[in-house]
Amino acid sequence: MSFKPSGLQNIALHIIQKKPGIKRVALAKLIYLVDWEHFKTTGKLLTGATYVRADKGPLAFGLDNEIKAMDGWEIEVSGNKDKGFTHTPLDTARFEPRFSQYSSTLVDAVLRKYSQYSWMTLVKVSYETTPMRVVVSLEERGQTMKNKKMNLDSLCRQDPLWEYQERARRLSFQQAGTDEERMKEEKEVFESTALLRKRATTAELREAEG
């Protein structure tokens, strides 16, 4: 059966295959940390997702729906909202995760660094990233951020050190070279963003914001 996964489904399945039995919160945080590392060097999110400020930090908008679309094919979802959902890979997958060489190296590096952490530790790590530190700072000054969409670029530019750090990271990335595969992947991520947004519903946003 032909199935074109979104960028979010691509990375979610890869993480679930690498870490069978992963809980939903841990999965959501690892996806964010992969996107964050990719954003720091390229200025783009690997998944093409939009993030919202949820109770436990950044959450990819539409993640629940994207997971449901894979349930019974690529993965098996068990558990419940109270005790937590668990995700296990299946051998009936309609697709296999694909990345450029650069992105594959980055994803594996993030998983090596963080995949053994508990979901609580991953939540803490996500709060230590620049976008969340800026969000918390804005909240402390009285601005309501909960349930709002997070523009990572806009948030990062409110950090005085970001511009200097960004130049250094982008220069390092450019020196690594640009290959056709990475350019193709960036195009696919852009296209999958439109697909992801089309699938997401207003009801999902309310669920993510809750």
C-alpha atoms as a PDB file:
ATOM      1  CA  MET A   1       0.000   0.000   0.000  1.00  0.00           C
ATOM      2  CA  SER A   2       1.319   3.410  -1.014  1.00  0.00           C
ATOM      3  CA  PHE A   3       1.733   5.775   1.919  1.00  0.00           C
ATOM      4  CA  LYS A   4       3.617   9.057   1.972  1.00  0.00           C
ATOM      5  CA  PRO A   5       4.629   9.863   5.550  1.00  0.00           C
ATOM      6  CA  SER A   6       4.903  13.368   6.890  1.00  0.00           C
ATOM      7  CA  GLY A   7       8.202  14.605   8.262  1.00  0.00           C
ATOM      8  CA  LEU A   8       6.794  14.121  11.753  1.00  0.00           C
ATOM      9  CA  GLN A   9       5.844  10.503  11.078  1.00  0.00           C
ATOM     10  CA  ASN A  10       9.261   9.865   9.544  1.00  0.00           C
ATOM     11  CA  ILE A  11      11.182  10.850  12.656  1.00  0.00           C
ATOM     12  CA  ALA A  12       8.598   9.417  15.070  1.00  0.00           C
ATOM     13  CA  LEU A  13       8.853   5.949  13.502  1.00  0.00           C
ATOM     14  CA  HIS A  14      12.645   6.117  13.493  1.00  0.00           C
ATOM     15  CA  ILE A  15      12.696   6.894  17.219  1.00  0.00           C
ATOM     16  CA  ILE A  16      10.139   4.167  18.017  1.00  0.00           C
ATOM     17  CA  GLN A  17      12.189   1.628  16.049  1.00  0.00           C
ATOM     18  CA  LYS A  18      15.310   2.643  17.952  1.00  0.00           C
ATOM     19  CA  LYS A  19      13.518   2.673  21.307  1.00  0.00           C
ATOM     20  CA  PRO A  20      10.621   0.147  21.351  1.00  0.00           C
ATOM     21  CA  GLY A  21       8.146   0.706  24.153  1.00  0.00           C
ATOM     22  CA  ILE A  22       8.815   4.432  24.391  1.00  0.00           C
ATOM     23  CA  LYS A  23       6.163   6.503  26.157  1.00  0.00           C
ATOM     24  CA  ARG A  24       4.330   9.357  24.418  1.00  0.00           C
ATOM     25  CA  VAL A  25       5.873  12.167  26.466  1.00  0.00           C
ATOM     26  CA  ALA A  26       9.419  10.858  25.941  1.00  0.00           C
ATOM     27  CA  LEU A  27       8.726  10.452  22.221  1.00  0.00           C
ATOM     28  CA  ALA A  28       7.412  14.008  21.961  1.00  0.00           C
ATOM     29  CA  LYS A  29      10.453  15.419  23.752  1.00  0.00           C
ATOM     30  CA  LEU A  30      12.952  13.449  21.631  1.00  0.00           C
ATOM     31  CA  ILE A  31      11.233  14.679  18.473  1.00  0.00           C
ATOM     32  CA  TYR A  32      11.555  18.239  19.740  1.00  0.00           C
ATOM     33  CA  LEU A  33      15.218  17.816  20.657  1.00  0.00           C
ATOM     34  CA  VAL A  34      15.969  16.407  17.186  1.00  0.00           C
ATOM     35  CA  ASP A  35      14.182  19.384  15.622  1.00  0.00           C
ATOM     36  CA  TRP A  36      15.999  21.779  17.944  1.00  0.00           C
ATOM     37  CA  GLU A  37      19.445  20.442  17.035  1.00  0.00           C
ATOM     38  CA  HIS A  38      18.553  20.528  13.329  1.00  0.00           C
ATOM     39  CA  PHE A  39      17.236  24.082  13.678  1.00  0.00           C
ATOM     40  CA  LYS A  40      20.420  25.283  15.369  1.00  0.00           C
ATOM     41  CA  THR A  41      22.580  24.281  12.398  1.00  0.00           C
ATOM     42  CA  THR A  42      20.247  24.736   9.429  1.00  0.00           C
ATOM     43  CA  GLY A  43      17.592  27.187  10.554  1.00  0.00           C
ATOM     44  CA  LYS A  44      14.908  24.621   9.669  1.00  0.00           C
ATOM     45  CA  LEU A  45      12.979  21.933  11.522  1.00  0.00           C
ATOM     46  CA  LEU A  46      13.640  18.393  10.333  1.00  0.00           C
ATOM     47  CA  THR A  47       9.996  17.401  10.819  1.00  0.00           C
ATOM     48  CA  GLY A  48       8.481  20.562   9.373  1.00  0.00           C
ATOM     49  CA  ALA A  49       6.165  20.631  12.391  1.00  0.00           C
ATOM     50  CA  THR A  50       4.707  23.578  14.291  1.00  0.00           C
ATOM     51  CA  TYR A  51       5.254  23.581  18.064  1.00  0.00           C
ATOM     52  CA  VAL A  52       2.911  24.760  20.796  1.00  0.00           C
ATOM     53  CA  ARG A  53       3.735  25.601  24.401  1.00  0.00           C
ATOM     54  CA  ALA A  54       2.043  22.749  26.272  1.00  0.00           C
ATOM     55  CA  ASP A  55       2.179  21.852  29.985  1.00  0.00           C
ATOM     56  CA  LYS A  56       5.331  19.771  29.599  1.00  0.00           C
ATOM     57  CA  GLY A  57       7.104  22.107  27.220  1.00  0.00           C
ATOM     58  CA  PRO A  58       7.203  22.209  23.403  1.00  0.00           C
ATOM     59  CA  LEU A  59       4.798  19.818  21.671  1.00  0.00           C
ATOM     60  CA  ALA A  60       4.608  19.157  17.923  1.00  0.00           C
ATOM     61  CA  PHE A  61       1.165  20.235  16.736  1.00  0.00           C
ATOM     62  CA  GLY A  62      -0.761  17.257  15.320  1.00  0.00           C
ATOM     63  CA  LEU A  63       1.492  14.601  16.849  1.00  0.00           C
ATOM     64  CA  ASP A  64      -1.403  12.576  18.273  1.00  0.00           C
ATOM     65  CA  ASN A  65      -3.136  12.424  14.904  1.00  0.00           C
ATOM     66  CA  GLU A  66       0.075  11.474  13.106  1.00  0.00           C
ATOM     67  CA  ILE A  67       0.629   8.653  15.598  1.00  0.00           C
ATOM     68  CA  LYS A  68      -2.955   7.429  15.192  1.00  0.00           C
ATOM     69  CA  ALA A  69      -2.458   7.231  11.419  1.00  0.00           C
ATOM     70  CA  MET A  70       0.431   4.791  11.957  1.00  0.00           C
ATOM     71  CA  ASP A  71      -1.269   2.688  14.636  1.00  0.00           C
ATOM     72  CA  GLY A  72      -1.835  -0.850  13.356  1.00  0.00           C
ATOM     73  CA  TRP A  73       0.587  -0.410  10.455  1.00  0.00           C
ATOM     74  CA  GLU A  74       3.978   0.961  11.441  1.00  0.00           C
ATOM     75  CA  ILE A  75       3.431   0.825  15.194  1.00  0.00           C
ATOM     76  CA  GLU A  76       1.179  -0.526  17.916  1.00  0.00           C
ATOM     77  CA  VAL A  77      -0.062   1.954  20.489  1.00  0.00           C
ATOM     78  CA  SER A  78      -1.100   0.599  23.879  1.00  0.00           C
ATOM     79  CA  GLY A  79      -1.980   2.099  27.254  1.00  0.00           C
ATOM     80  CA  ASN A  80      -4.163   5.091  27.987  1.00  0.00           C
ATOM     81  CA  LYS A  81      -3.955   8.811  28.675  1.00  0.00           C
ATOM     82  CA  ASP A  82      -3.847   8.360  32.459  1.00  0.00           C
ATOM     83  CA  LYS A  83      -1.047   5.776  32.570  1.00  0.00           C
ATOM     84  CA  GLY A  84       0.633   6.883  29.371  1.00  0.00           C
ATOM     85  CA  PHE A  85       0.717   5.544  25.821  1.00  0.00           C
ATOM     86  CA  THR A  86       3.414   3.063  24.791  1.00  0.00           C
ATOM     87  CA  HIS A  87       4.636   2.652  21.201  1.00  0.00           C
ATOM     88  CA  THR A  88       6.024  -0.546  19.660  1.00  0.00           C
ATOM     89  CA  PRO A  89       7.206  -0.975  16.036  1.00  0.00           C
ATOM     90  CA  LEU A  90       5.460  -3.512  13.779  1.00  0.00           C
ATOM     91  CA  ASP A  91       6.719  -5.474  10.777  1.00  0.00           C
ATOM     92  CA  THR A  92       3.797  -4.291   8.619  1.00  0.00           C
ATOM     93  CA  ALA A  93       5.198  -0.794   8.054  1.00  0.00           C
ATOM     94  CA  ARG A  94       4.194   0.930   4.824  1.00  0.00           C
ATOM     95  CA  PHE A  95       7.407   2.951   4.815  1.00  0.00           C
ATOM     96  CA  GLU A  96      10.852   3.063   6.327  1.00  0.00           C
ATOM     97  CA  PRO A  97      12.315   6.289   7.755  1.00  0.00           C
ATOM     98  CA  ARG A  98      14.624   8.088   5.307  1.00  0.00           C
ATOM     99  CA  PHE A  99      17.115  10.873   6.007  1.00  0.00           C
ATOM    100  CA  SER A 100      20.033  12.539   4.330  1.00  0.00           C
ATOM    101  CA  GLN A 101      23.451  11.498   5.569  1.00  0.00           C
ATOM    102  CA  TYR A 102      23.778  14.707   7.561  1.00  0.00           C
ATOM    103  CA  SER A 103      20.340  14.410   9.177  1.00  0.00           C
ATOM    104  CA  SER A 104      20.840  10.715   9.919  1.00  0.00           C
ATOM    105  CA  THR A 105      24.064  11.504  11.758  1.00  0.00           C
ATOM    106  CA  LEU A 106      22.358  14.294  13.703  1.00  0.00           C
ATOM    107  CA  VAL A 107      19.345  12.170  14.663  1.00  0.00           C
ATOM    108  CA  ASP A 108      21.508   9.287  15.856  1.00  0.00           C
ATOM    109  CA  ALA A 109      23.686  11.684  17.856  1.00  0.00           C
ATOM    110  CA  VAL A 110      20.627  13.108  19.624  1.00  0.00           C
ATOM    111  CA  LEU A 111      19.302   9.624  20.388  1.00  0.00           C
ATOM    112  CA  ARG A 112      22.669   8.475  21.736  1.00  0.00           C
ATOM    113  CA  LYS A 113      22.752  11.491  24.029  1.00  0.00           C
ATOM    114  CA  TYR A 114      19.167  11.535  25.273  1.00  0.00           C
ATOM    115  CA  SER A 115      17.285   8.297  24.558  1.00  0.00           C
ATOM    116  CA  GLN A 116      18.180   6.658  27.885  1.00  0.00           C
ATOM    117  CA  TYR A 117      16.778   9.565  29.894  1.00  0.00           C
ATOM    118  CA  SER A 118      13.422   9.336  31.658  1.00  0.00           C
ATOM    119  CA  TRP A 119      10.563  11.414  30.296  1.00  0.00           C
ATOM    120  CA  MET A 120      10.864  13.730  33.287  1.00  0.00           C
ATOM    121  CA  THR A 121      14.531  14.392  32.509  1.00  0.00           C
ATOM    122  CA  LEU A 122      13.699  14.957  28.842  1.00  0.00           C
ATOM    123  CA  VAL A 123      11.080  17.524  29.845  1.00  0.00           C
ATOM    124  CA  LYS A 124      13.731  19.283  31.925  1.00  0.00           C
ATOM    125  CA  VAL A 125      16.193  19.225  29.016  1.00  0.00           C
ATOM    126  CA  SER A 126      13.561  20.715  26.703  1.00  0.00           C
ATOM    127  CA  TYR A 127      13.045  23.555  29.185  1.00  0.00           C
ATOM    128  CA  GLU A 128      16.775  24.295  29.002  1.00  0.00           C
ATOM    129  CA  THR A 129      16.685  25.003  25.257  1.00  0.00           C
ATOM    130  CA  THR A 130      16.739  28.639  24.119  1.00  0.00           C
ATOM    131  CA  PRO A 131      13.093  28.816  22.923  1.00  0.00           C
ATOM    132  CA  MET A 132      11.725  27.489  26.215  1.00  0.00           C
ATOM    133  CA  ARG A 133      14.008  29.666  28.310  1.00  0.00           C
ATOM    134  CA  VAL A 134      12.664  32.689  26.437  1.00  0.00           C
ATOM    135  CA  VAL A 135       9.073  31.439  26.846  1.00  0.00           C
ATOM    136  CA  VAL A 136       9.534  31.033  30.609  1.00  0.00           C
ATOM    137  CA  SER A 137      11.113  34.482  30.795  1.00  0.00           C
ATOM    138  CA  LEU A 138       8.130  36.018  28.988  1.00  0.00           C
ATOM    139  CA  GLU A 139       5.733  34.202  31.307  1.00  0.00           C
ATOM    140  CA  GLU A 140       7.596  35.491  34.348  1.00  0.00           C
ATOM    141  CA  ARG A 141       7.049  39.005  32.991  1.00  0.00           C
ATOM    142  CA  GLY A 142       3.319  38.400  32.790  1.00  0.00           C
ATOM    143  CA  GLN A 143       2.870  37.350  29.167  1.00  0.00           C
ATOM    144  CA  THR A 144       0.514  34.420  28.551  1.00  0.00           C
ATOM    145  CA  MET A 145       2.335  31.761  26.508  1.00  0.00           C
ATOM    146  CA  LYS A 146       0.548  28.542  27.463  1.00  0.00           C
ATOM    147  CA  ASN A 147      -1.197  26.903  24.521  1.00  0.00           C
ATOM    148  CA  LYS A 148       0.376  29.409  22.104  1.00  0.00           C
ATOM    149  CA  LYS A 149       2.287  28.455  18.998  1.00  0.00           C
ATOM    150  CA  MET A 150       6.067  28.685  19.360  1.00  0.00           C
ATOM    151  CA  ASN A 151       8.004  30.374  16.577  1.00  0.00           C
ATOM    152  CA  LEU A 152      11.472  29.078  17.337  1.00  0.00           C
ATOM    153  CA  ASP A 153      13.245  31.654  15.187  1.00  0.00           C
ATOM    154  CA  SER A 154      11.368  34.578  16.731  1.00  0.00           C
ATOM    155  CA  LEU A 155      11.879  33.278  20.261  1.00  0.00           C
ATOM    156  CA  CYS A 156      15.590  32.645  19.767  1.00  0.00           C
ATOM    157  CA  ARG A 157      16.141  36.174  18.463  1.00  0.00           C
ATOM    158  CA  GLN A 158      14.991  37.498  21.809  1.00  0.00           C
ATOM    159  CA  ASP A 159      18.065  35.901  23.366  1.00  0.00           C
ATOM    160  CA  PRO A 160      21.017  38.376  23.250  1.00  0.00           C
ATOM    161  CA  LEU A 161      23.583  35.628  22.597  1.00  0.00           C
ATOM    162  CA  TRP A 162      21.628  33.856  19.870  1.00  0.00           C
ATOM    163  CA  GLU A 163      22.809  35.888  16.861  1.00  0.00           C
ATOM    164  CA  TYR A 164      26.488  35.323  17.674  1.00  0.00           C
ATOM    165  CA  GLN A 165      25.984  31.621  18.356  1.00  0.00           C
ATOM    166  CA  GLU A 166      23.879  31.236  15.225  1.00  0.00           C
ATOM    167  CA  ARG A 167      26.578  32.676  12.964  1.00  0.00           C
ATOM    168  CA  ALA A 168      29.153  30.256  14.370  1.00  0.00           C
ATOM    169  CA  ARG A 169      26.855  27.240  13.952  1.00  0.00           C
ATOM    170  CA  ARG A 170      25.770  28.141  10.417  1.00  0.00           C
ATOM    171  CA  LEU A 171      29.386  28.691   9.350  1.00  0.00           C
ATOM    172  CA  SER A 172      30.302  25.254  10.669  1.00  0.00           C
ATOM    173  CA  PHE A 173      27.341  23.743   8.830  1.00  0.00           C
ATOM    174  CA  GLN A 174      28.283  25.441   5.553  1.00  0.00           C
ATOM    175  CA  GLN A 175      31.859  24.208   5.832  1.00  0.00           C
ATOM    176  CA  ALA A 176      30.526  20.667   6.080  1.00  0.00           C
ATOM    177  CA  GLY A 177      29.298  21.047   2.472  1.00  0.00           C
ATOM    178  CA  THR A 178      25.929  20.805   0.810  1.00  0.00           C
ATOM    179  CA  ASP A 179      24.937  17.606  -0.982  1.00  0.00           C
ATOM    180  CA  GLU A 180      22.028  16.936  -3.313  1.00  0.00           C
ATOM    181  CA  GLU A 181      20.475  14.478  -0.869  1.00  0.00           C
ATOM    182  CA  ARG A 182      20.192  17.079   1.882  1.00  0.00           C
ATOM    183  CA  MET A 183      18.687  19.601  -0.530  1.00  0.00           C
ATOM    184  CA  LYS A 184      16.160  16.992  -1.641  1.00  0.00           C
ATOM    185  CA  GLU A 185      15.281  16.225   1.985  1.00  0.00           C
ATOM    186  CA  GLU A 186      14.704  19.895   2.766  1.00  0.00           C
ATOM    187  CA  LYS A 187      12.278  20.054  -0.169  1.00  0.00           C
ATOM    188  CA  GLU A 188      10.464  16.954   1.115  1.00  0.00           C
ATOM    189  CA  VAL A 189      10.238  18.437   4.604  1.00  0.00           C
ATOM    190  CA  PHE A 190       8.713  21.601   3.154  1.00  0.00           C
ATOM    191  CA  GLU A 191       6.140  19.549   1.260  1.00  0.00           C
ATOM    192  CA  SER A 192       5.365  17.380   4.277  1.00  0.00           C
ATOM    193  CA  THR A 193       4.705  20.505   6.344  1.00  0.00           C
ATOM    194  CA  ALA A 194       1.711  21.291   4.147  1.00  0.00           C
ATOM    195  CA  LEU A 195       0.514  17.708   4.532  1.00  0.00           C
ATOM    196  CA  LEU A 196       0.943  17.843   8.310  1.00  0.00           C
ATOM    197  CA  ARG A 197      -1.012  21.066   8.622  1.00  0.00           C
ATOM    198  CA  LYS A 198      -3.767  19.722   6.396  1.00  0.00           C
ATOM    199  CA  ARG A 199      -4.167  16.650   8.614  1.00  0.00           C
ATOM    200  CA  ALA A 200      -4.192  18.596  11.865  1.00  0.00           C
ATOM    201  CA  THR A 201      -7.617  19.746  13.071  1.00  0.00           C
ATOM    202  CA  THR A 202      -8.845  22.388  15.456  1.00  0.00           C
ATOM    203  CA  ALA A 203      -9.810  19.615  17.855  1.00  0.00           C
ATOM    204  CA  GLU A 204      -6.234  18.346  17.868  1.00  0.00           C
ATOM    205  CA  LEU A 205      -4.902  21.789  18.718  1.00  0.00           C
ATOM    206  CA  ARG A 206      -7.255  21.987  21.669  1.00  0.00           C
ATOM    207  CA  GLU A 207      -6.026  18.563  22.786  1.00  0.00           C
ATOM    208  CA  ALA A 208      -2.407  19.620  22.446  1.00  0.00           C
ATOM    209  CA  GLU A 209      -3.110  22.811  24.320  1.00  0.00           C
ATOM    210  CA  GLY A 210      -4.936  20.965  27.127  1.00  0.00           C
END
